[in-house]
């Protein structure tokens, strides 16, 4: 779970397409819409035509959906007449019923299931947010994410409001495949983009108090970069300043995965205790901290 690497020079820059100035990222081959994901997830989970089905022994505390109309503030194009369409499903507080030791922890395990349908010219994506800070803390809550099915891009950036509009100084697109872990740092905004032609399922472990703040992302009309359904990377015209986008694989961002996230969490939840104490982030993930510290800025500011 410890990140490796650390210098931006070691990152893989975003690839350039055939047209000069045309930046692109790779869209993966078609992703199966029906699959048994129990081994990958570590608990009873399957996809049937893109819909998630949980085993009878799996308990869920909260089951929510995000509809297309709710994403309107961060989309490149108007929603149109499909506003009721469900874009993704969020299952929070997921555990096997027998794992009663997880029920009262400060941390919880979550699943997100994205249908993978493009949104107009854009690839499917989540709204995006930044996490709140614990009372008196200098940092917001970090998060550990695992891709279970499909291929994901985690767009991570700083976000500030300037006199001429939103701006960002550093931005990364972290590519992750099934089994990869991605650490999402505190204080930085993040959104998940489906980089495969089909459903995307990812899980995470996070503190229960780590509410998302969406207002800044909404005011900025999304993130500094937009990913089109064909992989083109387009600067968000609402931004006063857009940084160079750096594409990097999950292993280079967060280091190799320690195993199946749910199984590790179930066996040793104490290994994730640092997620409840954001001040520990630079200690637990020193290489990633060095990479993002300039984007995070002054602690507590």
Protein backbone atom coordinates (compact mmCIF):
# COMPACT_ATOMS: atom_id res chain seq x y z
CA UNK A 1 0.00 0.00 0.00
CA UNK A 2 3.04 2.27 0.24
CA UNK A 3 3.52 4.52 -2.80
CA UNK A 4 6.75 4.46 -4.70
CA UNK A 5 8.38 6.90 -7.07
CA UNK A 6 8.02 10.57 -6.30
CA UNK A 7 9.40 12.92 -8.91
CA UNK A 8 7.28 14.34 -11.70
CA UNK A 9 10.15 13.68 -14.13
CA UNK A 10 9.49 9.96 -13.69
CA UNK A 11 5.86 10.26 -14.71
CA UNK A 12 4.60 9.31 -18.12
CA UNK A 13 3.34 12.46 -19.88
CA UNK A 14 -0.01 12.29 -21.54
CA UNK A 15 0.26 10.88 -25.06
CA UNK A 16 -0.08 12.99 -28.17
CA UNK A 17 -2.31 11.87 -31.01
CA UNK A 18 -1.75 12.11 -34.75
CA UNK A 19 -3.10 15.66 -34.98
CA UNK A 20 -0.64 18.28 -33.69
CA UNK A 21 -1.86 19.57 -30.33
CA UNK A 22 -4.41 16.75 -30.04
CA UNK A 23 -3.92 15.14 -26.64
CA UNK A 24 -5.38 11.70 -26.07
CA UNK A 25 -5.56 8.89 -23.59
CA UNK A 26 -6.23 5.28 -24.51
CA UNK A 27 -9.78 3.92 -24.26
CA UNK A 28 -9.68 0.23 -23.33
CA UNK A 29 -11.21 -2.60 -25.31
CA UNK A 30 -14.88 -3.44 -24.65
CA UNK A 31 -15.55 -4.43 -21.04
CA UNK A 32 -17.86 -7.34 -20.21
CA UNK A 33 -21.26 -6.27 -18.88
CA UNK A 34 -21.86 -9.66 -17.25
CA UNK A 35 -19.28 -11.18 -14.90
CA UNK A 36 -18.88 -12.87 -11.52
CA UNK A 37 -16.72 -10.46 -9.51
CA UNK A 38 -16.73 -12.32 -6.21
CA UNK A 39 -13.06 -13.32 -6.35
CA UNK A 40 -11.93 -9.84 -7.37
CA UNK A 41 -14.09 -8.07 -4.80
CA UNK A 42 -13.58 -10.51 -1.94
CA UNK A 43 -17.33 -10.81 -1.30
CA UNK A 44 -20.44 -11.84 -3.21
CA UNK A 45 -20.72 -9.51 -6.22
CA UNK A 46 -21.74 -10.00 -9.85
CA UNK A 47 -22.60 -7.90 -12.87
CA UNK A 48 -25.59 -8.83 -15.00
CA UNK A 49 -25.98 -6.66 -18.07
CA UNK A 50 -24.21 -3.86 -16.27
CA UNK A 51 -26.30 -4.07 -13.09
CA UNK A 52 -24.68 -5.02 -9.78
CA UNK A 53 -26.04 -8.00 -7.83
CA UNK A 54 -24.86 -8.64 -4.30
CA UNK A 55 -24.75 -12.02 -2.59
CA UNK A 56 -27.45 -12.84 -0.06
CA UNK A 57 -24.82 -12.74 2.69
CA UNK A 58 -23.75 -9.16 1.88
CA UNK A 59 -25.05 -6.28 4.03
CA UNK A 60 -25.28 -2.67 2.79
CA UNK A 61 -25.86 0.36 5.00
CA UNK A 62 -26.66 2.83 2.23
CA UNK A 63 -27.68 2.37 -1.42
CA UNK A 64 -27.82 5.52 -3.55
CA UNK A 65 -27.78 6.46 -7.23
CA UNK A 66 -26.57 9.52 -9.12
CA UNK A 67 -28.72 10.54 -12.07
CA UNK A 68 -27.61 12.36 -15.19
CA UNK A 69 -29.47 15.54 -14.22
CA UNK A 70 -27.43 15.73 -11.01
CA UNK A 71 -24.23 15.85 -13.08
CA UNK A 72 -25.43 18.83 -15.14
CA UNK A 73 -23.11 21.41 -13.45
CA UNK A 74 -19.97 19.49 -14.49
CA UNK A 75 -20.91 18.34 -18.00
CA UNK A 76 -19.50 19.73 -21.24
CA UNK A 77 -22.94 19.64 -22.90
CA UNK A 78 -26.57 20.07 -21.76
CA UNK A 79 -28.24 17.02 -20.23
CA UNK A 80 -31.15 16.95 -22.70
CA UNK A 81 -34.13 14.70 -22.14
CA UNK A 82 -32.35 11.82 -20.41
CA UNK A 83 -31.94 13.47 -17.03
CA UNK A 84 -33.49 10.56 -15.11
CA UNK A 85 -30.92 8.09 -16.42
CA UNK A 86 -28.87 6.52 -13.63
CA UNK A 87 -25.18 7.16 -14.22
CA UNK A 88 -23.79 5.30 -11.23
CA UNK A 89 -24.76 3.50 -8.06
CA UNK A 90 -23.05 4.01 -4.69
CA UNK A 91 -23.15 1.21 -2.11
CA UNK A 92 -21.78 2.39 1.23
CA UNK A 93 -21.00 0.41 4.34
CA UNK A 94 -20.72 -2.87 2.45
CA UNK A 95 -19.64 -6.00 4.32
CA UNK A 96 -20.33 -9.67 4.56
CA UNK A 97 -23.02 -10.12 7.21
CA UNK A 98 -20.70 -12.35 9.23
CA UNK A 99 -18.07 -9.60 9.47
CA UNK A 100 -19.77 -7.88 12.38
CA UNK A 101 -16.43 -6.44 13.54
CA UNK A 102 -16.62 -3.95 10.65
CA UNK A 103 -20.05 -2.61 11.58
CA UNK A 104 -18.95 -0.14 14.25
CA UNK A 105 -15.59 0.95 12.85
CA UNK A 106 -14.79 4.57 11.99
CA UNK A 107 -13.91 3.28 8.51
CA UNK A 108 -16.17 1.62 5.98
CA UNK A 109 -15.91 -0.25 2.69
CA UNK A 110 -17.82 1.11 -0.31
CA UNK A 111 -18.61 0.05 -3.89
CA UNK A 112 -19.41 2.23 -6.90
CA UNK A 113 -20.89 0.79 -10.10
CA UNK A 114 -20.82 2.91 -13.27
CA UNK A 115 -22.88 1.92 -16.30
CA UNK A 116 -20.13 3.02 -18.65
CA UNK A 117 -22.37 4.86 -21.12
CA UNK A 118 -20.79 8.00 -22.60
CA UNK A 119 -22.36 11.32 -21.63
CA UNK A 120 -22.69 13.10 -24.94
CA UNK A 121 -19.13 13.56 -26.20
CA UNK A 122 -17.63 12.79 -22.79
CA UNK A 123 -16.59 9.49 -21.29
CA UNK A 124 -18.72 8.38 -18.34
CA UNK A 125 -17.62 10.05 -15.11
CA UNK A 126 -18.57 10.83 -11.53
CA UNK A 127 -19.34 14.33 -10.28
CA UNK A 128 -16.09 14.76 -8.37
CA UNK A 129 -15.41 16.36 -5.01
CA UNK A 130 -12.89 17.08 -2.27
CA UNK A 131 -13.17 15.64 1.24
CA UNK A 132 -13.91 17.63 4.37
CA UNK A 133 -11.35 18.10 7.12
CA UNK A 134 -11.81 16.62 10.58
CA UNK A 135 -12.36 19.32 13.22
CA UNK A 136 -9.07 21.08 13.93
CA UNK A 137 -7.16 19.13 11.26
CA UNK A 138 -4.83 20.63 8.67
CA UNK A 139 -5.80 18.11 5.99
CA UNK A 140 -8.98 16.55 4.65
CA UNK A 141 -9.52 12.81 4.66
CA UNK A 142 -7.56 10.63 2.19
CA UNK A 143 -9.02 7.50 0.57
CA UNK A 144 -7.85 4.14 -0.79
CA UNK A 145 -9.57 2.94 -3.98
CA UNK A 146 -9.38 -0.39 -5.82
CA UNK A 147 -10.59 -1.13 -9.35
CA UNK A 148 -12.65 -4.33 -9.38
CA UNK A 149 -13.85 -4.42 -13.01
CA UNK A 150 -13.13 -2.28 -16.06
CA UNK A 151 -10.53 0.42 -16.49
CA UNK A 152 -10.56 3.71 -14.62
CA UNK A 153 -8.92 7.07 -14.79
CA UNK A 154 -8.77 9.04 -11.55
CA UNK A 155 -8.41 12.71 -12.36
CA UNK A 156 -6.70 14.42 -9.40
CA UNK A 157 -6.01 18.16 -9.20
CA UNK A 158 -5.87 21.21 -6.99
CA UNK A 159 -8.73 23.66 -7.44
CA UNK A 160 -8.85 27.32 -6.57
CA UNK A 161 -11.05 30.25 -7.51
CA UNK A 162 -9.16 33.16 -9.04
CA UNK A 163 -10.37 36.63 -10.03
CA UNK A 164 -10.86 35.48 -13.63
CA UNK A 165 -12.37 32.09 -12.85
CA UNK A 166 -11.31 28.65 -11.55
CA UNK A 167 -7.71 27.59 -11.87
CA UNK A 168 -5.53 24.60 -11.22
CA UNK A 169 -1.75 24.36 -11.02
CA UNK A 170 -1.22 20.58 -11.07
CA UNK A 171 -3.31 17.73 -12.51
CA UNK A 172 -2.84 13.97 -12.94
CA UNK A 173 -4.78 11.23 -14.70
CA UNK A 174 -4.09 8.02 -12.76
CA UNK A 175 -4.90 4.93 -14.85
CA UNK A 176 -5.99 1.84 -12.95
CA UNK A 177 -6.97 -1.68 -13.97
CA UNK A 178 -8.58 -4.54 -12.01
CA UNK A 179 -6.63 -5.21 -8.84
CA UNK A 180 -4.89 -1.83 -8.79
CA UNK A 181 -5.03 0.37 -5.70
CA UNK A 182 -5.04 4.16 -5.93
CA UNK A 183 -4.50 6.46 -2.95
CA UNK A 184 -6.46 9.70 -3.28
CA UNK A 185 -4.61 12.40 -1.32
CA UNK A 186 -6.25 14.85 1.05
CA UNK A 187 -7.18 18.36 -0.06
CA UNK A 188 -7.14 17.56 -3.79
CA UNK A 189 -10.28 17.27 -5.89
CA UNK A 190 -10.81 13.93 -7.62
CA UNK A 191 -13.24 12.40 -10.08
CA UNK A 192 -13.46 8.93 -11.62
CA UNK A 193 -13.63 8.49 -15.39
CA UNK A 194 -14.55 5.25 -17.16
CA UNK A 195 -11.71 4.57 -19.61
CA UNK A 196 -13.19 1.28 -20.80
CA UNK A 197 -15.99 0.61 -23.24
CA UNK A 198 -18.39 -0.80 -20.68
CA UNK A 199 -19.18 -0.93 -16.96
CA UNK A 200 -16.71 0.15 -14.29
CA UNK A 201 -16.78 -1.15 -10.71
CA UNK A 202 -14.48 0.20 -8.04
CA UNK A 203 -14.31 -0.07 -4.27
CA UNK A 204 -12.81 2.09 -1.54
CA UNK A 205 -12.06 2.29 2.15
CA UNK A 206 -12.66 5.67 3.77
CA UNK A 207 -13.58 7.26 7.08
CA UNK A 208 -17.33 7.47 7.64
CA UNK A 209 -17.02 11.19 8.39
CA UNK A 210 -15.32 11.96 5.07
CA UNK A 211 -18.18 13.80 3.43
CA UNK A 212 -17.60 15.14 -0.07
CA UNK A 213 -17.64 18.87 -0.82
CA UNK A 214 -19.11 19.34 -4.29
CA UNK A 215 -19.69 23.10 -4.43
CA UNK A 216 -16.20 24.04 -5.65
CA UNK A 217 -16.26 21.52 -8.47
CA UNK A 218 -19.76 22.64 -9.48
CA UNK A 219 -18.74 26.30 -9.49
CA UNK A 220 -15.75 25.45 -11.69
CA UNK A 221 -18.00 23.53 -14.13
CA UNK A 222 -15.99 20.39 -13.50
CA UNK A 223 -12.30 19.62 -13.67
CA UNK A 224 -9.56 21.37 -15.62
CA UNK A 225 -9.46 18.57 -18.20
CA UNK A 226 -12.34 16.72 -19.85
CA UNK A 227 -12.01 13.21 -21.28
CA UNK A 228 -13.98 12.64 -24.47
CA UNK A 229 -15.50 9.26 -25.31
CA UNK A 230 -12.79 8.71 -27.98
CA UNK A 231 -9.99 9.47 -25.53
CA UNK A 232 -9.36 13.08 -26.53
CA UNK A 233 -8.29 15.31 -23.65
CA UNK A 234 -9.83 18.75 -23.82
CA UNK A 235 -9.13 21.78 -21.64
CA UNK A 236 -12.17 23.00 -19.74
CA UNK A 237 -12.99 26.41 -21.27
CA UNK A 238 -14.39 27.66 -17.94
CA UNK A 239 -10.93 27.63 -16.36
CA UNK A 240 -8.74 30.73 -16.26
CA UNK A 241 -5.64 28.54 -15.97
CA UNK A 242 -5.23 24.87 -16.95
CA UNK A 243 -2.06 22.94 -16.02
CA UNK A 244 -0.26 20.29 -18.02
CA UNK A 245 -2.01 16.96 -17.50
CA UNK A 246 0.29 14.13 -16.43
CA UNK A 247 -0.82 10.55 -17.07
CA UNK A 248 0.54 7.92 -14.71
CA UNK A 249 -0.20 4.27 -13.94
CA UNK A 250 -1.60 3.33 -10.54
CA UNK A 251 1.48 1.32 -9.54
CA UNK A 252 3.71 4.34 -10.13
CA UNK A 253 1.30 6.59 -8.23
CA UNK A 254 0.46 4.43 -5.20
CA UNK A 255 2.78 1.45 -5.43
CA UNK A 256 1.72 -2.19 -5.88
CA UNK A 257 -1.57 -3.33 -4.40
CA UNK A 258 -1.36 -5.35 -1.18
CA UNK A 259 -4.10 -7.77 -2.28
CA UNK A 260 -7.88 -7.72 -2.53
CA UNK A 261 -8.97 -4.58 -0.70
CA UNK A 262 -11.97 -6.02 1.14
CA UNK A 263 -10.03 -9.07 2.33
CA UNK A 264 -7.17 -6.92 3.66
CA UNK A 265 -9.62 -4.54 5.32
CA UNK A 266 -11.55 -7.40 6.92
CA UNK A 267 -8.44 -9.14 8.21
CA UNK A 268 -6.62 -6.05 9.47
CA UNK A 269 -8.73 -2.89 9.60
CA UNK A 270 -6.03 -1.30 11.78
CA UNK A 271 -3.79 -1.12 8.71
CA UNK A 272 -6.10 1.59 7.41
CA UNK A 273 -6.34 3.60 10.63
CA UNK A 274 -4.29 6.40 9.06
CA UNK A 275 -7.30 7.21 6.84
CA UNK A 276 -8.98 8.58 9.99
CA UNK A 277 -5.93 10.69 10.88
CA UNK A 278 -5.04 12.77 7.81
CA UNK A 279 -1.91 14.16 9.49
CA UNK A 280 -0.43 10.67 9.01
CA UNK A 281 -0.66 10.87 5.21
CA UNK A 282 2.88 12.30 4.68
CA UNK A 283 4.26 9.55 6.95
CA UNK A 284 2.37 6.63 5.44
CA UNK A 285 2.74 7.77 1.82
CA UNK A 286 5.95 9.84 1.71
CA UNK A 287 6.64 9.43 -2.01
CA UNK A 288 3.10 10.40 -2.98
CA UNK A 289 3.24 13.28 -0.51
CA UNK A 290 6.37 14.61 -2.23
CA UNK A 291 4.60 14.39 -5.57
CA UNK A 292 1.48 16.30 -4.52
CA UNK A 293 2.61 18.56 -1.68
CA UNK A 294 2.94 21.65 -3.89
CA UNK A 295 -0.60 21.12 -5.16
CA UNK A 296 -1.93 20.66 -1.62
CA UNK A 297 -0.27 23.87 -0.45
CA UNK A 298 0.09 25.08 3.11
CA UNK A 299 -1.54 22.72 5.62
CA UNK A 300 -4.66 24.21 7.15
CA UNK A 301 -4.74 27.16 4.76
